[in-house]
Amino acid sequence: MTISTTKKLLGATIAAGVVFALAGCGQAPTESGGDGDAAVDSDFLPCLVSDAGGWNDKSFNQSAKEGMDRAADELGVKPLEFESANDNDYAPNLETAVSEGCSLIVSVGFKLSAATVESALANPKINYAIIDDYADNDFDGTTDAPNIKPLVFDTAQAAYLGGYAAAGWSAQAGVNKIGTFGGMQIPSVAVFMDGFQLGAEKYNEDKSAAVEVFGWDTATQKGSFTGGFDANDTAKQTAQGVLDQGVDVILPVGGPIYQSAAAAIADSGKDTLMVGVDSDLAVADESVADVTLFSIMKAIDVAVEDATIAASKGDFDPAPYIGTLENEGVKLSGFGSFEGDLPDGLLDEIAALQEQIIAGDITVESPNSP
């Protein structure tokens, strides 16, 4: 296991018949959640702690909750779910989860990493999982507590397909400009942007095209960020700065900041489309379906469900789960109403790229991949 360069610096279906999959290190997530023959601990109490985005972020918090709720329904238990209003809530929510007797505590996101490690070290008999982070705050390449299971995703693979698709859309329109911006510059955000740019570069290579990418440079790891995940004026201005470059497809990476991108698109009066992240945005928020070309998805719900079911049966395994195209941990959504307007052959080309990535013939080299 390696920890990304960026994190060290900080510490310092698509069309019918074409399905783009999601990922894990070791065993892939399952729909049923685990071994049906194993006995469930009658005292098992699963718990979930959100980051400040809250349960209705149409992104990774909501997806995690959906996975936890499905697992709880299957187990016949009532989970405890703690919604954090701001960063100051993380440690107190974890403390409350411990005091309530939680058997498994799942933390949603990088921002809970330090508080999760502290709680896990103080409570070695409780199982923990954390989404989008290795909980490696001393950057030595290993998780800081033996009872934490990282649930991470090599989103660059799916974003590569997305960048190729976005480039194809923009080239067909004769615009040849796509863009992206993020919330905080952390690996789980930048990994989308890396894959998106690399996929666009692959399109240029294959088609002798000249689609430009604005808002991010994989080589320098520099780009446009809002500094947080709130849908506020800063996020809207950041989106506008990318739109001002003339892009006709924009990828906002950071939960609710897609709302700011949608508002900036509306103000522009142009036909710019955006790309969703984590969940299928056009389904999660129908109010933006008409401006969402597709989404780059992570199977957070399945990973949480699977980890919860396993823990309930005494099969908790702290080995990291890594979502990939091969194990169906990451994928593209469908193109919805835009499917009929796609360039001829684009879906087949994307399907072929996916097969090459899974086979190892193409390696998506992001310094932010888990």
Protein backbone atom coordinates (compact mmCIF):
# COMPACT_ATOMS: atom_id res chain seq x y z
CA MET A 1 0.00 0.00 0.00
CA THR A 2 1.27 3.47 -0.85
CA ILE A 3 0.12 6.86 0.29
CA SER A 4 -0.20 9.43 -2.50
CA THR A 5 2.33 12.17 -3.11
CA THR A 6 -0.35 14.81 -2.79
CA LYS A 7 -1.38 13.67 0.67
CA LYS A 8 2.23 13.70 1.79
CA LEU A 9 2.50 17.25 0.57
CA LEU A 10 -0.64 18.14 2.46
CA GLY A 11 0.74 16.77 5.64
CA ALA A 12 2.45 18.43 3.73
CA THR A 13 -26.56 1.92 -17.79
CA ILE A 14 -24.15 4.09 -19.87
CA ALA A 15 -26.10 2.90 -23.02
CA ALA A 16 -27.95 -0.38 -22.66
CA GLY A 17 -25.49 -3.20 -22.80
CA VAL A 18 -22.52 -1.00 -21.91
CA VAL A 19 -21.93 -0.96 -18.17
CA PHE A 20 -18.94 0.71 -16.61
CA ALA A 21 -18.01 -0.90 -13.39
CA LEU A 22 -16.82 -0.08 -9.75
CA ALA A 23 -13.63 -1.50 -7.06
CA GLY A 24 -11.49 -3.42 -4.06
CA CYS A 25 -8.25 -4.67 -2.81
CA GLY A 26 -8.93 -8.32 -2.18
CA GLN A 27 -12.59 -9.24 -2.30
CA ALA A 28 -15.03 -7.12 -4.27
CA PRO A 29 -18.19 -5.78 -2.64
CA THR A 30 -21.24 -7.97 -3.01
CA GLU A 31 -24.90 -7.16 -3.37
CA SER A 32 -25.88 -9.55 -0.59
CA GLY A 33 -23.34 -8.11 1.80
CA GLY A 34 -21.60 -11.24 2.99
CA ASP A 35 -21.84 -14.90 3.99
CA GLY A 36 -25.46 -15.65 4.72
CA ASP A 37 -24.48 -18.72 6.79
CA ALA A 38 -22.44 -16.76 9.34
CA ALA A 39 -24.06 -15.88 12.66
CA VAL A 40 -24.81 -12.22 13.31
CA ASP A 41 -23.81 -10.77 16.68
CA SER A 42 -27.11 -10.08 18.44
CA ASP A 43 -25.59 -7.02 20.12
CA PHE A 44 -24.14 -5.60 16.92
CA LEU A 45 -24.67 -1.83 16.60
CA PRO A 46 -23.40 -0.12 13.44
CA CYS A 47 -22.79 3.63 13.48
CA LEU A 48 -22.01 6.28 10.88
CA VAL A 49 -20.51 9.76 11.29
CA SER A 50 -20.87 12.23 8.42
CA ASP A 51 -18.57 15.06 7.50
CA ALA A 52 -19.90 18.61 7.38
CA GLY A 53 -21.60 18.01 4.03
CA GLY A 54 -24.44 16.18 5.76
CA TRP A 55 -26.67 13.31 4.67
CA ASN A 56 -28.35 15.22 1.85
CA ASP A 57 -25.20 16.17 -0.06
CA LYS A 58 -26.22 14.08 -3.11
CA SER A 59 -22.70 12.69 -2.89
CA PHE A 60 -20.54 10.57 -0.64
CA ASN A 61 -22.25 11.23 2.71
CA GLN A 62 -25.63 10.33 1.25
CA SER A 63 -24.19 7.28 -0.49
CA ALA A 64 -22.58 6.07 2.75
CA LYS A 65 -25.88 6.47 4.58
CA GLU A 66 -27.72 4.50 1.92
CA GLY A 67 -25.23 1.65 2.30
CA MET A 68 -25.46 1.70 6.09
CA ASP A 69 -29.26 1.76 5.99
CA ARG A 70 -29.40 -1.21 3.60
CA ALA A 71 -27.07 -3.23 5.81
CA ALA A 72 -29.07 -2.36 8.92
CA ASP A 73 -32.32 -3.39 7.22
CA GLU A 74 -30.78 -6.71 6.25
CA LEU A 75 -29.51 -7.26 9.78
CA GLY A 76 -32.70 -6.10 11.45
CA VAL A 77 -30.92 -3.47 13.55
CA LYS A 78 -31.29 0.29 13.92
CA PRO A 79 -28.03 2.11 13.21
CA LEU A 80 -26.93 5.28 14.93
CA GLU A 81 -26.09 8.00 12.44
CA PHE A 82 -24.42 11.20 13.54
CA GLU A 83 -24.65 14.16 11.17
CA SER A 84 -21.82 16.66 11.60
CA ALA A 85 -22.76 20.31 11.12
CA ASN A 86 -19.13 21.46 11.00
CA ASP A 87 -15.59 20.23 11.55
CA ASN A 88 -15.85 20.74 15.31
CA ASP A 89 -18.48 18.00 15.50
CA TYR A 90 -16.24 15.13 14.39
CA ALA A 91 -14.53 14.25 17.67
CA PRO A 92 -17.67 14.74 19.83
CA ASN A 93 -19.74 12.61 17.44
CA LEU A 94 -17.16 9.85 17.58
CA GLU A 95 -17.09 10.08 21.38
CA THR A 96 -20.86 9.77 21.48
CA ALA A 97 -20.75 6.76 19.16
CA VAL A 98 -18.34 5.06 21.54
CA SER A 99 -20.43 5.90 24.60
CA GLU A 100 -23.55 4.53 22.88
CA GLY A 101 -21.89 1.14 22.49
CA CYS A 102 -21.30 1.14 18.75
CA SER A 103 -19.67 -2.04 17.42
CA LEU A 104 -18.62 -0.58 14.07
CA ILE A 105 -18.07 3.12 13.48
CA VAL A 106 -17.79 4.32 9.88
CA SER A 107 -16.36 7.82 9.32
CA VAL A 108 -17.20 9.60 6.09
CA GLY A 109 -14.20 11.31 4.62
CA PHE A 110 -10.66 12.59 4.87
CA LYS A 111 -11.57 15.38 7.27
CA LEU A 112 -12.45 12.85 10.00
CA SER A 113 -9.13 11.06 9.73
CA ALA A 114 -7.33 12.46 12.78
CA ALA A 115 -10.38 12.15 15.05
CA THR A 116 -11.02 8.60 13.83
CA VAL A 117 -7.45 7.51 14.53
CA GLU A 118 -7.58 9.02 18.02
CA SER A 119 -10.87 7.26 18.76
CA ALA A 120 -9.69 3.93 17.33
CA LEU A 121 -6.46 3.93 19.32
CA ALA A 122 -8.41 4.66 22.51
CA ASN A 123 -10.95 1.91 21.79
CA PRO A 124 -9.10 -1.05 20.28
CA LYS A 125 -12.05 -3.43 20.71
CA ILE A 126 -14.29 -1.34 18.43
CA ASN A 127 -14.09 -1.77 14.66
CA TYR A 128 -13.75 1.34 12.50
CA ALA A 129 -13.88 2.10 8.80
CA ILE A 130 -13.14 5.36 7.03
CA ILE A 131 -14.14 6.45 3.53
CA ASP A 132 -11.69 8.10 1.13
CA ASP A 133 -8.71 7.99 3.47
CA TYR A 134 -6.02 5.60 4.67
CA ALA A 135 -6.00 7.10 8.19
CA ASP A 136 -2.25 7.42 7.84
CA ASN A 137 -1.61 10.75 9.49
CA ASP A 138 2.09 10.14 10.14
CA PHE A 139 2.60 9.28 6.44
CA ASP A 140 4.56 6.08 7.09
CA GLY A 141 2.55 4.06 4.55
CA THR A 142 0.37 2.18 7.04
CA THR A 143 -2.95 2.88 8.73
CA ASP A 144 -2.36 4.44 12.15
CA ALA A 145 -4.61 2.05 14.09
CA PRO A 146 -4.98 -1.71 13.50
CA ASN A 147 -8.77 -1.59 13.93
CA ILE A 148 -9.47 0.85 11.06
CA LYS A 149 -10.46 -0.38 7.59
CA PRO A 150 -9.86 2.18 4.81
CA LEU A 151 -12.51 2.26 2.09
CA VAL A 152 -10.78 4.03 -0.79
CA PHE A 153 -11.36 4.29 -4.52
CA ASP A 154 -9.06 4.51 -7.54
CA THR A 155 -11.41 7.01 -9.13
CA ALA A 156 -8.82 8.02 -11.72
CA GLN A 157 -9.75 4.93 -13.71
CA ALA A 158 -13.40 5.92 -14.12
CA ALA A 159 -12.48 9.59 -14.51
CA TYR A 160 -10.20 8.61 -17.39
CA LEU A 161 -13.24 7.25 -19.21
CA GLY A 162 -15.09 10.42 -18.25
CA GLY A 163 -12.37 12.70 -19.56
CA TYR A 164 -12.38 10.81 -22.85
CA ALA A 165 -16.17 11.14 -23.08
CA ALA A 166 -16.16 14.84 -22.20
CA ALA A 167 -13.44 15.51 -24.76
CA GLY A 168 -15.44 13.67 -27.41
CA TRP A 169 -18.54 15.71 -26.61
CA SER A 170 -16.64 19.01 -26.75
CA ALA A 171 -14.78 18.10 -29.94
CA GLN A 172 -18.01 17.19 -31.71
CA ALA A 173 -19.39 20.63 -30.80
CA GLY A 174 -16.27 22.31 -32.13
CA VAL A 175 -15.53 23.90 -28.72
CA ASN A 176 -12.54 21.73 -27.78
CA LYS A 177 -12.43 23.04 -24.21
CA ILE A 178 -13.37 21.22 -20.99
CA GLY A 179 -12.65 22.17 -17.38
CA THR A 180 -12.68 21.12 -13.77
CA PHE A 181 -12.37 22.55 -10.27
CA GLY A 182 -12.34 21.01 -6.82
CA GLY A 183 -13.19 21.63 -3.20
CA MET A 184 -10.16 20.96 -1.03
CA GLN A 185 -6.96 19.82 -2.72
CA ILE A 186 -6.79 16.35 -1.21
CA PRO A 187 -6.11 13.01 -2.93
CA SER A 188 -9.75 11.91 -3.05
CA VAL A 189 -10.58 15.11 -4.99
CA ALA A 190 -7.49 15.46 -7.16
CA VAL A 191 -7.70 11.83 -8.29
CA PHE A 192 -10.86 12.68 -10.26
CA MET A 193 -9.12 15.63 -11.89
CA ASP A 194 -6.05 13.58 -12.80
CA GLY A 195 -8.08 10.90 -14.53
CA PHE A 196 -10.26 13.48 -16.28
CA GLN A 197 -7.25 15.23 -17.83
CA LEU A 198 -5.50 11.98 -18.74
CA GLY A 199 -8.63 10.70 -20.46
CA ALA A 200 -8.93 13.88 -22.48
CA GLU A 201 -5.29 13.51 -23.49
CA LYS A 202 -6.01 9.96 -24.62
CA TYR A 203 -8.85 11.27 -26.78
CA ASN A 204 -6.52 13.83 -28.34
CA GLU A 205 -3.96 11.12 -29.03
CA ASP A 206 -6.46 8.72 -30.59
CA LYS A 207 -8.34 11.31 -32.63
CA SER A 208 -5.55 13.79 -33.43
CA ALA A 209 -7.71 16.31 -31.61
CA ALA A 210 -6.77 19.37 -29.58
CA VAL A 211 -9.19 19.46 -26.64
CA GLU A 212 -7.82 21.67 -23.85
CA VAL A 213 -8.37 21.07 -20.13
CA PHE A 214 -8.71 24.08 -17.82
CA GLY A 215 -8.67 24.18 -14.03
CA TRP A 216 -6.14 21.43 -13.40
CA ASP A 217 -2.66 20.33 -14.45
CA THR A 218 -1.77 16.77 -13.53
CA ALA A 219 1.94 17.34 -14.11
CA THR A 220 2.22 20.26 -11.68
CA GLN A 221 -0.70 19.22 -9.42
CA LYS A 222 -1.98 22.77 -9.52
CA GLY A 223 -5.47 23.99 -10.33
CA SER A 224 -8.68 25.66 -9.24
CA PHE A 225 -10.03 24.89 -5.74
CA THR A 226 -12.62 26.49 -3.51
CA GLY A 227 -10.85 25.55 -0.26
CA GLY A 228 -13.89 23.69 1.08
CA PHE A 229 -16.99 21.76 0.12
CA ASP A 230 -19.69 24.35 0.67
CA ALA A 231 -21.95 25.56 -2.13
CA ASN A 232 -21.22 29.23 -1.56
CA ASP A 233 -20.12 32.38 -3.40
CA THR A 234 -16.50 31.23 -3.43
CA ALA A 235 -17.48 27.98 -5.14
CA LYS A 236 -19.62 29.83 -7.66
CA GLN A 237 -16.81 32.28 -8.43
CA THR A 238 -14.37 29.39 -8.84
CA ALA A 239 -16.75 27.67 -11.24
CA GLN A 240 -17.22 30.93 -13.12
CA GLY A 241 -13.47 31.31 -13.48
CA VAL A 242 -13.32 27.98 -15.29
CA LEU A 243 -16.42 28.69 -17.37
CA ASP A 244 -14.86 31.97 -18.46
CA GLN A 245 -12.24 29.94 -20.33
CA GLY A 246 -14.99 28.93 -22.75
CA VAL A 247 -15.42 25.30 -21.66
CA ASP A 248 -18.59 23.46 -22.60
CA VAL A 249 -18.15 20.63 -20.05
CA ILE A 250 -17.14 21.22 -16.42
CA LEU A 251 -16.32 18.72 -13.66
CA PRO A 252 -16.91 20.08 -10.11
CA VAL A 253 -15.32 17.70 -7.59
CA GLY A 254 -16.48 18.17 -4.03
CA GLY A 255 -20.00 17.15 -3.06
CA PRO A 256 -22.33 20.17 -2.82
CA ILE A 257 -20.14 22.47 -4.93
CA TYR A 258 -21.93 21.07 -7.98
CA GLN A 259 -24.80 23.37 -6.95
CA SER A 260 -22.53 26.37 -7.39
CA ALA A 261 -21.41 25.11 -10.78
CA ALA A 262 -25.04 24.70 -11.86
CA ALA A 263 -25.82 28.25 -10.71
CA ALA A 264 -22.83 29.63 -12.63
CA ILE A 265 -23.91 27.74 -15.74
CA ALA A 266 -27.44 29.17 -15.41
CA ASP A 267 -26.06 32.71 -15.07
CA SER A 268 -23.89 32.26 -18.14
CA GLY A 269 -26.84 31.51 -20.38
CA LYS A 270 -24.70 29.02 -22.29
CA ASP A 271 -25.22 25.35 -23.05
CA THR A 272 -22.40 24.17 -20.80
CA LEU A 273 -22.91 20.77 -19.19
CA MET A 274 -21.39 19.40 -16.01
CA VAL A 275 -20.15 16.03 -14.79
CA GLY A 276 -21.30 14.65 -11.43
CA VAL A 277 -19.11 12.81 -8.95
CA ASP A 278 -19.54 9.99 -6.41
CA SER A 279 -23.25 9.33 -7.10
CA ASP A 280 -25.33 9.44 -10.28
CA LEU A 281 -26.07 13.15 -9.96
CA ALA A 282 -28.86 13.28 -12.53
CA VAL A 283 -30.75 10.71 -10.44
CA ALA A 284 -29.75 12.03 -7.01
CA ASP A 285 -30.75 15.61 -7.87
CA GLU A 286 -33.25 15.79 -10.71
CA SER A 287 -33.09 19.60 -10.62
CA VAL A 288 -29.72 19.45 -12.40
CA ALA A 289 -30.43 16.46 -14.66
CA ASP A 290 -30.84 18.74 -17.67
CA VAL A 291 -27.26 20.02 -17.31
CA THR A 292 -25.56 16.78 -16.18
CA LEU A 293 -23.88 14.94 -19.04
CA PHE A 294 -22.90 11.92 -16.91
CA SER A 295 -21.36 11.13 -13.51
CA ILE A 296 -18.12 9.52 -12.35
CA MET A 297 -19.29 7.21 -9.58
CA LYS A 298 -17.88 5.42 -6.55
CA ALA A 299 -19.63 2.43 -4.96
CA ILE A 300 -19.42 3.93 -1.50
CA ASP A 301 -22.81 2.52 -0.59
CA VAL A 302 -21.80 -1.02 -1.52
CA ALA A 303 -18.47 -0.76 0.30
CA VAL A 304 -20.15 0.47 3.49
CA GLU A 305 -22.87 -2.16 3.26
CA ASP A 306 -20.36 -4.94 2.70
CA ALA A 307 -18.06 -3.82 5.54
CA THR A 308 -21.02 -3.51 7.92
CA ILE A 309 -22.39 -6.97 7.13
CA ALA A 310 -18.94 -8.52 7.50
CA ALA A 311 -18.37 -6.83 10.87
CA SER A 312 -21.76 -8.01 12.11
CA LYS A 313 -20.69 -11.62 11.54
CA GLY A 314 -17.27 -11.31 13.14
CA ASP A 315 -15.54 -11.12 9.77
CA PHE A 316 -14.20 -7.57 10.08
CA ASP A 317 -11.00 -7.27 8.04
CA PRO A 318 -8.93 -4.09 8.42
CA ALA A 319 -7.21 -4.63 5.06
CA PRO A 320 -7.94 -1.66 2.79
CA TYR A 321 -10.74 -1.97 0.27
CA ILE A 322 -9.72 -0.29 -3.00
CA GLY A 323 -12.45 0.34 -5.56
CA THR A 324 -11.44 -0.13 -9.21
CA LEU A 325 -13.09 -0.71 -12.57
CA GLU A 326 -12.25 -4.39 -12.32
CA ASN A 327 -14.04 -5.03 -9.03
CA GLU A 328 -16.81 -2.55 -9.81
CA GLY A 329 -15.85 0.01 -7.18
CA VAL A 330 -15.84 2.88 -9.71
CA LYS A 331 -17.80 3.47 -12.93
CA LEU A 332 -19.51 5.91 -15.25
CA SER A 333 -23.23 6.49 -15.07
CA GLY A 334 -25.36 6.57 -18.18
CA PHE A 335 -25.71 9.68 -20.34
CA GLY A 336 -29.46 10.01 -19.86
CA SER A 337 -31.18 12.27 -22.36
CA PHE A 338 -27.81 13.12 -23.95
CA GLU A 339 -27.13 9.57 -25.08
CA GLY A 340 -28.63 10.06 -28.52
CA ASP A 341 -26.44 13.10 -29.13
CA LEU A 342 -23.13 11.40 -28.42
CA PRO A 343 -20.54 11.15 -31.18
CA ASP A 344 -20.88 7.98 -33.25
CA GLY A 345 -18.85 5.14 -31.78
CA LEU A 346 -18.03 6.92 -28.51
CA LEU A 347 -19.71 4.33 -26.28
CA ASP A 348 -17.83 1.51 -27.98
CA GLU A 349 -14.56 3.39 -27.61
CA ILE A 350 -15.15 3.94 -23.90
CA ALA A 351 -16.06 0.28 -23.41
CA ALA A 352 -12.83 -0.73 -25.15
CA LEU A 353 -10.80 1.62 -22.96
CA GLN A 354 -12.37 0.12 -19.86
CA GLU A 355 -11.40 -3.37 -21.01
CA GLN A 356 -7.84 -2.22 -21.63
CA ILE A 357 -7.59 -0.65 -18.16
CA ILE A 358 -8.91 -3.81 -16.50
CA ALA A 359 -6.53 -5.97 -18.55
CA GLY A 360 -3.59 -3.77 -17.57
CA ASP A 361 -2.92 -2.65 -21.13
CA ILE A 362 -3.58 0.94 -20.05
CA THR A 363 -2.37 2.19 -16.68
CA VAL A 364 -3.99 5.38 -15.41
CA GLU A 365 -1.07 6.97 -13.58
CA SER A 366 -2.41 9.38 -11.00
CA PRO A 367 -0.17 10.39 -8.07
CA ASN A 368 -3.39 10.59 -6.05
CA SER A 369 -4.54 7.01 -6.64
CA PRO A 370 -4.70 4.81 -3.53
